[in-house]
Amino acid sequence: MRDGWIVLRTFVTDFEAQEARSRLEALGLQSLVEADNCGGMRPHLDLTTGVKLLVPQEEEAQARELIMESTTSPSGDPWLCGGCGENIEPGFDACWKCGRDRD
């Protein structure tokens, strides 16, 4: 790990970590993503070791608040799709199965 940087959050995929990094950088905060997956040649290792989002120590509190705001579902509750009846996890605004928006 880099000196002066801390792990803000660990993600399962590089995509999720890069998305969070982009959100932070759009708001003017520094961040970087690190993964121990042999330079991308062994992406399955991300499932074991995770993909880490790092921020400078002095920006931790602000970055943590922004990440929590952007990853928290408005209701925080699972919901039932009115189109196909599928149970949908919190944080999703559309059904993964049929694409219908949350009512």
PDB file of N, CA and C in Angstrom:
ATOM      1  N   MET A   1       0.853  -1.183   0.000  1.00  0.00           N
ATOM      2  CA  MET A   1       0.000   0.000   0.000  1.00  0.00           C
ATOM      3  C   MET A   1       0.896   1.242   0.000  1.00  0.00           C
ATOM      4  N   ARG A   2       0.364   2.295  -0.501  1.00  0.00           N
ATOM      5  CA  ARG A   2       1.121   3.538  -0.619  1.00  0.00           C
ATOM      6  C   ARG A   2       1.103   4.306   0.706  1.00  0.00           C
ATOM      7  N   ASP A   3       2.201   4.977   1.005  1.00  0.00           N
ATOM      8  CA  ASP A   3       2.286   5.773   2.228  1.00  0.00           C
ATOM      9  C   ASP A   3       1.298   6.930   2.183  1.00  0.00           C
ATOM     10  N   GLY A   4       0.577   7.127   3.276  1.00  0.00           N
ATOM     11  CA  GLY A   4      -0.368   8.224   3.379  1.00  0.00           C
ATOM     12  C   GLY A   4      -1.724   7.932   2.760  1.00  0.00           C
ATOM     13  N   TRP A   5      -1.904   6.753   2.190  1.00  0.00           N
ATOM     14  CA  TRP A   5      -3.172   6.366   1.573  1.00  0.00           C
ATOM     15  C   TRP A   5      -3.779   5.234   2.386  1.00  0.00           C
ATOM     16  N   ILE A   6      -5.102   5.210   2.477  1.00  0.00           N
ATOM     17  CA  ILE A   6      -5.790   4.155   3.216  1.00  0.00           C
ATOM     18  C   ILE A   6      -6.841   3.495   2.316  1.00  0.00           C
ATOM     19  N   VAL A   7      -7.187   2.273   2.665  1.00  0.00           N
ATOM     20  CA  VAL A   7      -8.239   1.573   1.925  1.00  0.00           C
ATOM     21  C   VAL A   7      -9.579   2.097   2.417  1.00  0.00           C
ATOM     22  N   LEU A   8     -10.313   2.717   1.526  1.00  0.00           N
ATOM     23  CA  LEU A   8     -11.628   3.247   1.863  1.00  0.00           C
ATOM     24  C   LEU A   8     -12.672   2.139   1.823  1.00  0.00           C
ATOM     25  N   ARG A   9     -12.562   1.295   0.806  1.00  0.00           N
ATOM     26  CA  ARG A   9     -13.520   0.207   0.646  1.00  0.00           C
ATOM     27  C   ARG A   9     -12.933  -0.848  -0.288  1.00  0.00           C
ATOM     28  N   THR A  10     -13.345  -2.087  -0.098  1.00  0.00           N
ATOM     29  CA  THR A  10     -12.920  -3.179  -0.968  1.00  0.00           C
ATOM     30  C   THR A  10     -14.128  -3.666  -1.753  1.00  0.00           C
ATOM     31  N   PHE A  11     -13.958  -3.795  -3.067  1.00  0.00           N
ATOM     32  CA  PHE A  11     -15.019  -4.213  -3.966  1.00  0.00           C
ATOM     33  C   PHE A  11     -14.724  -5.599  -4.524  1.00  0.00           C
ATOM     34  N   VAL A  12     -15.734  -6.232  -5.075  1.00  0.00           N
ATOM     35  CA  VAL A  12     -15.577  -7.565  -5.662  1.00  0.00           C
ATOM     36  C   VAL A  12     -15.040  -7.464  -7.088  1.00  0.00           C
ATOM     37  N   THR A  13     -15.432  -6.428  -7.813  1.00  0.00           N
ATOM     38  CA  THR A  13     -14.993  -6.294  -9.205  1.00  0.00           C
ATOM     39  C   THR A  13     -14.278  -4.969  -9.431  1.00  0.00           C
ATOM     40  N   ASP A  14     -13.441  -4.962 -10.449  1.00  0.00           N
ATOM     41  CA  ASP A  14     -12.736  -3.751 -10.833  1.00  0.00           C
ATOM     42  C   ASP A  14     -13.723  -2.683 -11.300  1.00  0.00           C
ATOM     43  N   PHE A  15     -14.778  -3.112 -11.990  1.00  0.00           N
ATOM     44  CA  PHE A  15     -15.785  -2.161 -12.485  1.00  0.00           C
ATOM     45  C   PHE A  15     -16.386  -1.350 -11.340  1.00  0.00           C
ATOM     46  N   GLU A  16     -16.790  -2.032 -10.256  1.00  0.00           N
ATOM     47  CA  GLU A  16     -17.386  -1.329  -9.110  1.00  0.00           C
ATOM     48  C   GLU A  16     -16.394  -0.347  -8.489  1.00  0.00           C
ATOM     49  N   ALA A  17     -15.154  -0.774  -8.355  1.00  0.00           N
ATOM     50  CA  ALA A  17     -14.131   0.090  -7.760  1.00  0.00           C
ATOM     51  C   ALA A  17     -13.853   1.300  -8.648  1.00  0.00           C
ATOM     52  N   GLN A  18     -13.768   1.087  -9.967  1.00  0.00           N
ATOM     53  CA  GLN A  18     -13.517   2.200 -10.885  1.00  0.00           C
ATOM     54  C   GLN A  18     -14.681   3.177 -10.920  1.00  0.00           C
ATOM     55  N   GLU A  19     -15.899   2.658 -10.788  1.00  0.00           N
ATOM     56  CA  GLU A  19     -17.078   3.519 -10.745  1.00  0.00           C
ATOM     57  C   GLU A  19     -17.033   4.422  -9.506  1.00  0.00           C
ATOM     58  N   ALA A  20     -16.688   3.854  -8.360  1.00  0.00           N
ATOM     59  CA  ALA A  20     -16.583   4.636  -7.128  1.00  0.00           C
ATOM     60  C   ALA A  20     -15.455   5.659  -7.241  1.00  0.00           C
ATOM     61  N   ARG A  21     -14.325   5.257  -7.827  1.00  0.00           N
ATOM     62  CA  ARG A  21     -13.204   6.178  -8.026  1.00  0.00           C
ATOM     63  C   ARG A  21     -13.632   7.349  -8.899  1.00  0.00           C
ATOM     64  N   SER A  22     -14.370   7.065  -9.947  1.00  0.00           N
ATOM     65  CA  SER A  22     -14.839   8.128 -10.844  1.00  0.00           C
ATOM     66  C   SER A  22     -15.742   9.114 -10.118  1.00  0.00           C
ATOM     67  N   ARG A  23     -16.628   8.595  -9.257  1.00  0.00           N
ATOM     68  CA  ARG A  23     -17.518   9.479  -8.496  1.00  0.00           C
ATOM     69  C   ARG A  23     -16.718  10.405  -7.590  1.00  0.00           C
ATOM     70  N   LEU A  24     -15.720   9.852  -6.904  1.00  0.00           N
ATOM     71  CA  LEU A  24     -14.904  10.674  -6.006  1.00  0.00           C
ATOM     72  C   LEU A  24     -14.120  11.721  -6.781  1.00  0.00           C
ATOM     73  N   GLU A  25     -13.510  11.315  -7.893  1.00  0.00           N
ATOM     74  CA  GLU A  25     -12.703  12.251  -8.659  1.00  0.00           C
ATOM     75  C   GLU A  25     -13.560  13.330  -9.320  1.00  0.00           C
ATOM     76  N   ALA A  26     -14.796  13.018  -9.667  1.00  0.00           N
ATOM     77  CA  ALA A  26     -15.701  14.027 -10.227  1.00  0.00           C
ATOM     78  C   ALA A  26     -16.016  15.113  -9.200  1.00  0.00           C
ATOM     79  N   LEU A  27     -15.898  14.756  -7.919  1.00  0.00           N
ATOM     80  CA  LEU A  27     -16.155  15.714  -6.846  1.00  0.00           C
ATOM     81  C   LEU A  27     -14.866  16.343  -6.318  1.00  0.00           C
ATOM     82  N   GLY A  28     -13.754  16.099  -7.004  1.00  0.00           N
ATOM     83  CA  GLY A  28     -12.495  16.740  -6.660  1.00  0.00           C
ATOM     84  C   GLY A  28     -11.641  16.010  -5.646  1.00  0.00           C
ATOM     85  N   LEU A  29     -11.963  14.760  -5.335  1.00  0.00           N
ATOM     86  CA  LEU A  29     -11.171  13.988  -4.377  1.00  0.00           C
ATOM     87  C   LEU A  29     -10.247  13.019  -5.114  1.00  0.00           C
ATOM     88  N   GLN A  30      -9.029  12.901  -4.624  1.00  0.00           N
ATOM     89  CA  GLN A  30      -8.086  11.960  -5.203  1.00  0.00           C
ATOM     90  C   GLN A  30      -8.447  10.538  -4.784  1.00  0.00           C
ATOM     91  N   SER A  31      -8.204   9.591  -5.655  1.00  0.00           N
ATOM     92  CA  SER A  31      -8.400   8.187  -5.302  1.00  0.00           C
ATOM     93  C   SER A  31      -7.698   7.326  -6.325  1.00  0.00           C
ATOM     94  N   LEU A  32      -7.428   6.092  -5.953  1.00  0.00           N
ATOM     95  CA  LEU A  32      -6.878   5.128  -6.891  1.00  0.00           C
ATOM     96  C   LEU A  32      -7.346   3.735  -6.550  1.00  0.00           C
ATOM     97  N   VAL A  33      -7.256   2.865  -7.543  1.00  0.00           N
ATOM     98  CA  VAL A  33      -7.733   1.498  -7.408  1.00  0.00           C
ATOM     99  C   VAL A  33      -6.533   0.568  -7.499  1.00  0.00           C
ATOM    100  N   GLU A  34      -6.477  -0.395  -6.577  1.00  0.00           N
ATOM    101  CA  GLU A  34      -5.420  -1.403  -6.605  1.00  0.00           C
ATOM    102  C   GLU A  34      -6.030  -2.785  -6.537  1.00  0.00           C
ATOM    103  N   ALA A  35      -5.497  -3.676  -7.350  1.00  0.00           N
ATOM    104  CA  ALA A  35      -5.942  -5.066  -7.346  1.00  0.00           C
ATOM    105  C   ALA A  35      -4.716  -5.960  -7.507  1.00  0.00           C
ATOM    106  N   ASP A  36      -4.698  -7.046  -6.774  1.00  0.00           N
ATOM    107  CA  ASP A  36      -3.607  -8.012  -6.870  1.00  0.00           C
ATOM    108  C   ASP A  36      -4.080  -9.173  -7.739  1.00  0.00           C
ATOM    109  N   ASN A  37      -4.162  -8.910  -9.062  1.00  0.00           N
ATOM    110  CA  ASN A  37      -4.682  -9.919  -9.984  1.00  0.00           C
ATOM    111  C   ASN A  37      -3.729 -10.165 -11.154  1.00  0.00           C
ATOM    112  N   CYS A  38      -2.437 -10.084 -10.870  1.00  0.00           N
ATOM    113  CA  CYS A  38      -1.400 -10.337 -11.887  1.00  0.00           C
ATOM    114  C   CYS A  38      -1.549  -9.411 -13.092  1.00  0.00           C
ATOM    115  N   GLY A  39      -1.757  -8.152 -12.832  1.00  0.00           N
ATOM    116  CA  GLY A  39      -1.864  -7.175 -13.909  1.00  0.00           C
ATOM    117  C   GLY A  39      -3.071  -7.363 -14.798  1.00  0.00           C
ATOM    118  N   GLY A  40      -4.132  -7.934 -14.236  1.00  0.00           N
ATOM    119  CA  GLY A  40      -5.354  -8.146 -14.991  1.00  0.00           C
ATOM    120  C   GLY A  40      -5.411  -9.495 -15.700  1.00  0.00           C
ATOM    121  N   MET A  41      -4.331 -10.265 -15.613  1.00  0.00           N
ATOM    122  CA  MET A  41      -4.304 -11.563 -16.288  1.00  0.00           C
ATOM    123  C   MET A  41      -5.043 -12.643 -15.499  1.00  0.00           C
ATOM    124  N   ARG A  42      -5.312 -12.386 -14.237  1.00  0.00           N
ATOM    125  CA  ARG A  42      -6.021 -13.345 -13.391  1.00  0.00           C
ATOM    126  C   ARG A  42      -7.161 -12.635 -12.655  1.00  0.00           C
ATOM    127  N   PRO A  43      -8.176 -12.168 -13.389  1.00  0.00           N
ATOM    128  CA  PRO A  43      -9.251 -11.399 -12.758  1.00  0.00           C
ATOM    129  C   PRO A  43     -10.033 -12.187 -11.714  1.00  0.00           C
ATOM    130  N   HIS A  44      -9.998 -13.512 -11.782  1.00  0.00           N
ATOM    131  CA  HIS A  44     -10.707 -14.313 -10.782  1.00  0.00           C
ATOM    132  C   HIS A  44     -10.125 -14.113  -9.384  1.00  0.00           C
ATOM    133  N   LEU A  45      -8.874 -13.642  -9.288  1.00  0.00           N
ATOM    134  CA  LEU A  45      -8.283 -13.372  -7.975  1.00  0.00           C
ATOM    135  C   LEU A  45      -8.979 -12.213  -7.267  1.00  0.00           C
ATOM    136  N   ASP A  46      -9.643 -11.341  -8.040  1.00  0.00           N
ATOM    137  CA  ASP A  46     -10.388 -10.233  -7.430  1.00  0.00           C
ATOM    138  C   ASP A  46     -11.460 -10.755  -6.488  1.00  0.00           C
ATOM    139  N   LEU A  47     -12.020 -11.916  -6.795  1.00  0.00           N
ATOM    140  CA  LEU A  47     -13.053 -12.497  -5.942  1.00  0.00           C
ATOM    141  C   LEU A  47     -12.491 -12.913  -4.588  1.00  0.00           C
ATOM    142  N   THR A  48     -11.216 -13.234  -4.555  1.00  0.00           N
ATOM    143  CA  THR A  48     -10.582 -13.672  -3.308  1.00  0.00           C
ATOM    144  C   THR A  48      -9.988 -12.507  -2.537  1.00  0.00           C
ATOM    145  N   THR A  49      -9.194 -11.689  -3.217  1.00  0.00           N
ATOM    146  CA  THR A  49      -8.473 -10.615  -2.539  1.00  0.00           C
ATOM    147  C   THR A  49      -9.202  -9.286  -2.578  1.00  0.00           C
ATOM    148  N   GLY A  50     -10.134  -9.127  -3.506  1.00  0.00           N
ATOM    149  CA  GLY A  50     -10.872  -7.879  -3.623  1.00  0.00           C
ATOM    150  C   GLY A  50     -10.109  -6.824  -4.400  1.00  0.00           C
ATOM    151  N   VAL A  51     -10.824  -5.795  -4.786  1.00  0.00           N
ATOM    152  CA  VAL A  51     -10.257  -4.645  -5.483  1.00  0.00           C
ATOM    153  C   VAL A  51     -10.400  -3.467  -4.534  1.00  0.00           C
ATOM    154  N   LYS A  52      -9.284  -2.849  -4.195  1.00  0.00           N
ATOM    155  CA  LYS A  52      -9.271  -1.828  -3.151  1.00  0.00           C
ATOM    156  C   LYS A  52      -9.329  -0.418  -3.730  1.00  0.00           C
ATOM    157  N   LEU A  53     -10.174   0.405  -3.110  1.00  0.00           N
ATOM    158  CA  LEU A  53     -10.263   1.820  -3.432  1.00  0.00           C
ATOM    159  C   LEU A  53      -9.500   2.566  -2.342  1.00  0.00           C
ATOM    160  N   LEU A  54      -8.454   3.276  -2.742  1.00  0.00           N
ATOM    161  CA  LEU A  54      -7.621   4.004  -1.791  1.00  0.00           C
ATOM    162  C   LEU A  54      -7.821   5.503  -1.923  1.00  0.00           C
ATOM    163  N   VAL A  55      -7.736   6.187  -0.794  1.00  0.00           N
ATOM    164  CA  VAL A  55      -7.810   7.650  -0.764  1.00  0.00           C
ATOM    165  C   VAL A  55      -6.731   8.159   0.179  1.00  0.00           C
ATOM    166  N   PRO A  56      -6.302   9.422  -0.003  1.00  0.00           N
ATOM    167  CA  PRO A  56      -5.351   9.998   0.945  1.00  0.00           C
ATOM    168  C   PRO A  56      -5.981  10.047   2.343  1.00  0.00           C
ATOM    169  N   GLN A  57      -5.174   9.800   3.360  1.00  0.00           N
ATOM    170  CA  GLN A  57      -5.676   9.777   4.735  1.00  0.00           C
ATOM    171  C   GLN A  57      -6.446  11.034   5.098  1.00  0.00           C
ATOM    172  N   GLU A  58      -5.973  12.181   4.657  1.00  0.00           N
ATOM    173  CA  GLU A  58      -6.609  13.438   5.044  1.00  0.00           C
ATOM    174  C   GLU A  58      -7.973  13.638   4.373  1.00  0.00           C
ATOM    175  N   GLU A  59      -8.284  12.871   3.345  1.00  0.00           N
ATOM    176  CA  GLU A  59      -9.573  12.977   2.660  1.00  0.00           C
ATOM    177  C   GLU A  59     -10.522  11.831   3.017  1.00  0.00           C
ATOM    178  N   GLU A  60     -10.137  10.992   3.972  1.00  0.00           N
ATOM    179  CA  GLU A  60     -10.928   9.802   4.298  1.00  0.00           C
ATOM    180  C   GLU A  60     -12.362  10.124   4.704  1.00  0.00           C
ATOM    181  N   ALA A  61     -12.548  11.027   5.657  1.00  0.00           N
ATOM    182  CA  ALA A  61     -13.896  11.307   6.168  1.00  0.00           C
ATOM    183  C   ALA A  61     -14.827  11.793   5.060  1.00  0.00           C
ATOM    184  N   GLN A  62     -14.357  12.729   4.265  1.00  0.00           N
ATOM    185  CA  GLN A  62     -15.191  13.269   3.185  1.00  0.00           C
ATOM    186  C   GLN A  62     -15.471  12.199   2.135  1.00  0.00           C
ATOM    187  N   ALA A  63     -14.465  11.416   1.782  1.00  0.00           N
ATOM    188  CA  ALA A  63     -14.652  10.360   0.772  1.00  0.00           C
ATOM    189  C   ALA A  63     -15.603   9.283   1.278  1.00  0.00           C
ATOM    190  N   ARG A  64     -15.470   8.897   2.537  1.00  0.00           N
ATOM    191  CA  ARG A  64     -16.348   7.868   3.099  1.00  0.00           C
ATOM    192  C   ARG A  64     -17.805   8.332   3.069  1.00  0.00           C
ATOM    193  N   GLU A  65     -18.039   9.589   3.403  1.00  0.00           N
ATOM    194  CA  GLU A  65     -19.399  10.139   3.392  1.00  0.00           C
ATOM    195  C   GLU A  65     -19.980  10.137   1.976  1.00  0.00           C
ATOM    196  N   LEU A  66     -19.181  10.529   0.996  1.00  0.00           N
ATOM    197  CA  LEU A  66     -19.648  10.564  -0.389  1.00  0.00           C
ATOM    198  C   LEU A  66     -19.927   9.166  -0.926  1.00  0.00           C
ATOM    199  N   ILE A  67     -19.093   8.207  -0.594  1.00  0.00           N
ATOM    200  CA  ILE A  67     -19.300   6.831  -1.060  1.00  0.00           C
ATOM    201  C   ILE A  67     -20.547   6.243  -0.412  1.00  0.00           C
ATOM    202  N   MET A  68     -20.774   6.499   0.866  1.00  0.00           N
ATOM    203  CA  MET A  68     -21.960   5.974   1.537  1.00  0.00           C
ATOM    204  C   MET A  68     -23.226   6.576   0.927  1.00  0.00           C
ATOM    205  N   GLU A  69     -23.204   7.871   0.615  1.00  0.00           N
ATOM    206  CA  GLU A  69     -24.365   8.525   0.004  1.00  0.00           C
ATOM    207  C   GLU A  69     -24.691   7.925  -1.350  1.00  0.00           C
ATOM    208  N   SER A  70     -23.671   7.632  -2.124  1.00  0.00           N
ATOM    209  CA  SER A  70     -23.904   7.175  -3.494  1.00  0.00           C
ATOM    210  C   SER A  70     -24.197   5.685  -3.598  1.00  0.00           C
ATOM    211  N   THR A  71     -23.926   4.905  -2.549  1.00  0.00           N
ATOM    212  CA  THR A  71     -24.180   3.467  -2.623  1.00  0.00           C
ATOM    213  C   THR A  71     -25.352   3.032  -1.765  1.00  0.00           C
ATOM    214  N   THR A  72     -25.991   3.956  -1.072  1.00  0.00           N
ATOM    215  CA  THR A  72     -27.131   3.613  -0.238  1.00  0.00           C
ATOM    216  C   THR A  72     -28.417   3.761  -1.034  1.00  0.00           C
ATOM    217  N   SER A  73     -29.246   2.767  -0.968  1.00  0.00           N
ATOM    218  CA  SER A  73     -30.543   2.807  -1.651  1.00  0.00           C
ATOM    219  C   SER A  73     -31.441   3.825  -0.964  1.00  0.00           C
ATOM    220  N   PRO A  74     -32.284   4.528  -1.715  1.00  0.00           N
ATOM    221  CA  PRO A  74     -33.196   5.484  -1.096  1.00  0.00           C
ATOM    222  C   PRO A  74     -34.050   4.841  -0.008  1.00  0.00           C
ATOM    223  N   SER A  75     -34.561   3.640  -0.240  1.00  0.00           N
ATOM    224  CA  SER A  75     -35.389   2.995   0.777  1.00  0.00           C
ATOM    225  C   SER A  75     -34.590   2.014   1.618  1.00  0.00           C
ATOM    226  N   GLY A  76     -33.519   1.441   1.032  1.00  0.00           N
ATOM    227  CA  GLY A  76     -32.714   0.478   1.752  1.00  0.00           C
ATOM    228  C   GLY A  76     -33.394  -0.863   1.945  1.00  0.00           C
ATOM    229  N   ASP A  77     -34.526  -1.090   1.282  1.00  0.00           N
ATOM    230  CA  ASP A  77     -35.281  -2.323   1.459  1.00  0.00           C
ATOM    231  C   ASP A  77     -35.353  -3.096   0.152  1.00  0.00           C
ATOM    232  N   PRO A  78     -35.399  -4.437   0.252  1.00  0.00           N
ATOM    233  CA  PRO A  78     -35.667  -5.214  -0.951  1.00  0.00           C
ATOM    234  C   PRO A  78     -37.084  -4.918  -1.446  1.00  0.00           C
ATOM    235  N   TRP A  79     -37.350  -5.176  -2.728  1.00  0.00           N
ATOM    236  CA  TRP A  79     -38.681  -4.901  -3.263  1.00  0.00           C
ATOM    237  C   TRP A  79     -39.060  -5.976  -4.274  1.00  0.00           C
ATOM    238  N   LEU A  80     -40.341  -6.061  -4.526  1.00  0.00           N
ATOM    239  CA  LEU A  80     -40.918  -7.047  -5.430  1.00  0.00           C
ATOM    240  C   LEU A  80     -41.294  -6.352  -6.734  1.00  0.00           C
ATOM    241  N   CYS A  81     -40.801  -6.866  -7.862  1.00  0.00           N
ATOM    242  CA  CYS A  81     -41.096  -6.279  -9.167  1.00  0.00           C
ATOM    243  C   CYS A  81     -42.573  -6.456  -9.495  1.00  0.00           C
ATOM    244  N   GLY A  82     -43.221  -5.358  -9.888  1.00  0.00           N
ATOM    245  CA  GLY A  82     -44.629  -5.410 -10.259  1.00  0.00           C
ATOM    246  C   GLY A  82     -44.866  -6.037 -11.622  1.00  0.00           C
ATOM    247  N   GLY A  83     -43.797  -6.204 -12.417  1.00  0.00           N
ATOM    248  CA  GLY A  83     -43.947  -6.779 -13.749  1.00  0.00           C
ATOM    249  C   GLY A  83     -43.823  -8.292 -13.776  1.00  0.00           C
ATOM    250  N   CYS A  84     -42.800  -8.817 -13.102  1.00  0.00           N
ATOM    251  CA  CYS A  84     -42.558 -10.259 -13.177  1.00  0.00           C
ATOM    252  C   CYS A  84     -42.569 -10.955 -11.824  1.00  0.00           C
ATOM    253  N   GLY A  85     -42.668 -10.180 -10.735  1.00  0.00           N
ATOM    254  CA  GLY A  85     -42.726 -10.776  -9.404  1.00  0.00           C
ATOM    255  C   GLY A  85     -41.383 -11.157  -8.815  1.00  0.00           C
ATOM    256  N   GLU A  86     -40.288 -10.765  -9.470  1.00  0.00           N
ATOM    257  CA  GLU A  86     -38.949 -11.100  -8.995  1.00  0.00           C
ATOM    258  C   GLU A  86     -38.599 -10.293  -7.738  1.00  0.00           C
ATOM    259  N   ASN A  87     -37.930 -10.937  -6.774  1.00  0.00           N
ATOM    260  CA  ASN A  87     -37.431 -10.238  -5.592  1.00  0.00           C
ATOM    261  C   ASN A  87     -36.151  -9.504  -5.985  1.00  0.00           C
ATOM    262  N   ILE A  88     -36.112  -8.199  -5.722  1.00  0.00           N
ATOM    263  CA  ILE A  88     -34.982  -7.361  -6.106  1.00  0.00           C
ATOM    264  C   ILE A  88     -34.276  -6.849  -4.850  1.00  0.00           C
ATOM    265  N   GLU A  89     -32.944  -6.868  -4.883  1.00  0.00           N
ATOM    266  CA  GLU A  89     -32.144  -6.419  -3.747  1.00  0.00           C
ATOM    267  C   GLU A  89     -32.206  -4.903  -3.605  1.00  0.00           C
ATOM    268  N   PRO A  90     -31.928  -4.411  -2.385  1.00  0.00           N
ATOM    269  CA  PRO A  90     -31.886  -2.959  -2.175  1.00  0.00           C
ATOM    270  C   PRO A  90     -30.836  -2.314  -3.073  1.00  0.00           C
ATOM    271  N   GLY A  91     -31.060  -1.082  -3.448  1.00  0.00           N
ATOM    272  CA  GLY A  91     -30.105  -0.346  -4.252  1.00  0.00           C
ATOM    273  C   GLY A  91     -30.371  -0.391  -5.743  1.00  0.00           C
ATOM    274  N   PHE A  92     -31.290  -1.242  -6.186  1.00  0.00           N
ATOM    275  CA  PHE A  92     -31.618  -1.326  -7.599  1.00  0.00           C
ATOM    276  C   PHE A  92     -32.927  -0.598  -7.859  1.00  0.00           C
ATOM    277  N   ASP A  93     -32.945   0.208  -8.904  1.00  0.00           N
ATOM    278  CA  ASP A  93     -34.139   0.971  -9.251  1.00  0.00           C
ATOM    279  C   ASP A  93     -34.909   0.354 -10.403  1.00  0.00           C
ATOM    280  N   ALA A  94     -34.383  -0.739 -10.960  1.00  0.00           N
ATOM    281  CA  ALA A  94     -35.070  -1.452 -12.040  1.00  0.00           C
ATOM    282  C   ALA A  94     -34.864  -2.949 -11.838  1.00  0.00           C
ATOM    283  N   CYS A  95     -35.799  -3.715 -12.327  1.00  0.00           N
ATOM    284  CA  CYS A  95     -35.739  -5.169 -12.217  1.00  0.00           C
ATOM    285  C   CYS A  95     -34.635  -5.713 -13.122  1.00  0.00           C
ATOM    286  N   TRP A  96     -33.808  -6.576 -12.595  1.00  0.00           N
ATOM    287  CA  TRP A  96     -32.737  -7.162 -13.393  1.00  0.00           C
ATOM    288  C   TRP A  96     -33.272  -8.172 -14.404  1.00  0.00           C
ATOM    289  N   LYS A  97     -34.449  -8.708 -14.141  1.00  0.00           N
ATOM    290  CA  LYS A  97     -34.993  -9.761 -14.995  1.00  0.00           C
ATOM    291  C   LYS A  97     -35.793  -9.188 -16.173  1.00  0.00           C
ATOM    292  N   CYS A  98     -36.723  -8.275 -15.881  1.00  0.00           N
ATOM    293  CA  CYS A  98     -37.590  -7.778 -16.961  1.00  0.00           C
ATOM    294  C   CYS A  98     -37.324  -6.306 -17.319  1.00  0.00           C
ATOM    295  N   GLY A  99     -36.557  -5.589 -16.490  1.00  0.00           N
ATOM    296  CA  GLY A  99     -36.207  -4.209 -16.792  1.00  0.00           C
ATOM    297  C   GLY A  99     -37.197  -3.164 -16.330  1.00  0.00           C
ATOM    298  N   ARG A 100     -38.293  -3.600 -15.715  1.00  0.00           N
ATOM    299  CA  ARG A 100     -39.307  -2.646 -15.254  1.00  0.00           C
ATOM    300  C   ARG A 100     -38.758  -1.785 -14.118  1.00  0.00           C
ATOM    301  N   ASP A 101     -39.079  -0.482 -14.153  1.00  0.00           N
ATOM    302  CA  ASP A 101     -38.657   0.441 -13.101  1.00  0.00           C
ATOM    303  C   ASP A 101     -39.375   0.141 -11.794  1.00  0.00           C
ATOM    304  N   ARG A 102     -38.711   0.487 -10.704  1.00  0.00           N
ATOM    305  CA  ARG A 102     -39.311   0.335  -9.383  1.00  0.00           C
ATOM    306  C   ARG A 102     -40.528   1.247  -9.280  1.00  0.00           C
ATOM    307  N   ASP A 103     -41.614   0.721  -8.748  1.00  0.00           N
ATOM    308  CA  ASP A 103     -42.857   1.504  -8.603  1.00  0.00           C
ATOM    309  C   ASP A 103     -42.728   2.526  -7.497  1.00  0.00           C
TER     310      ASP A 103
END
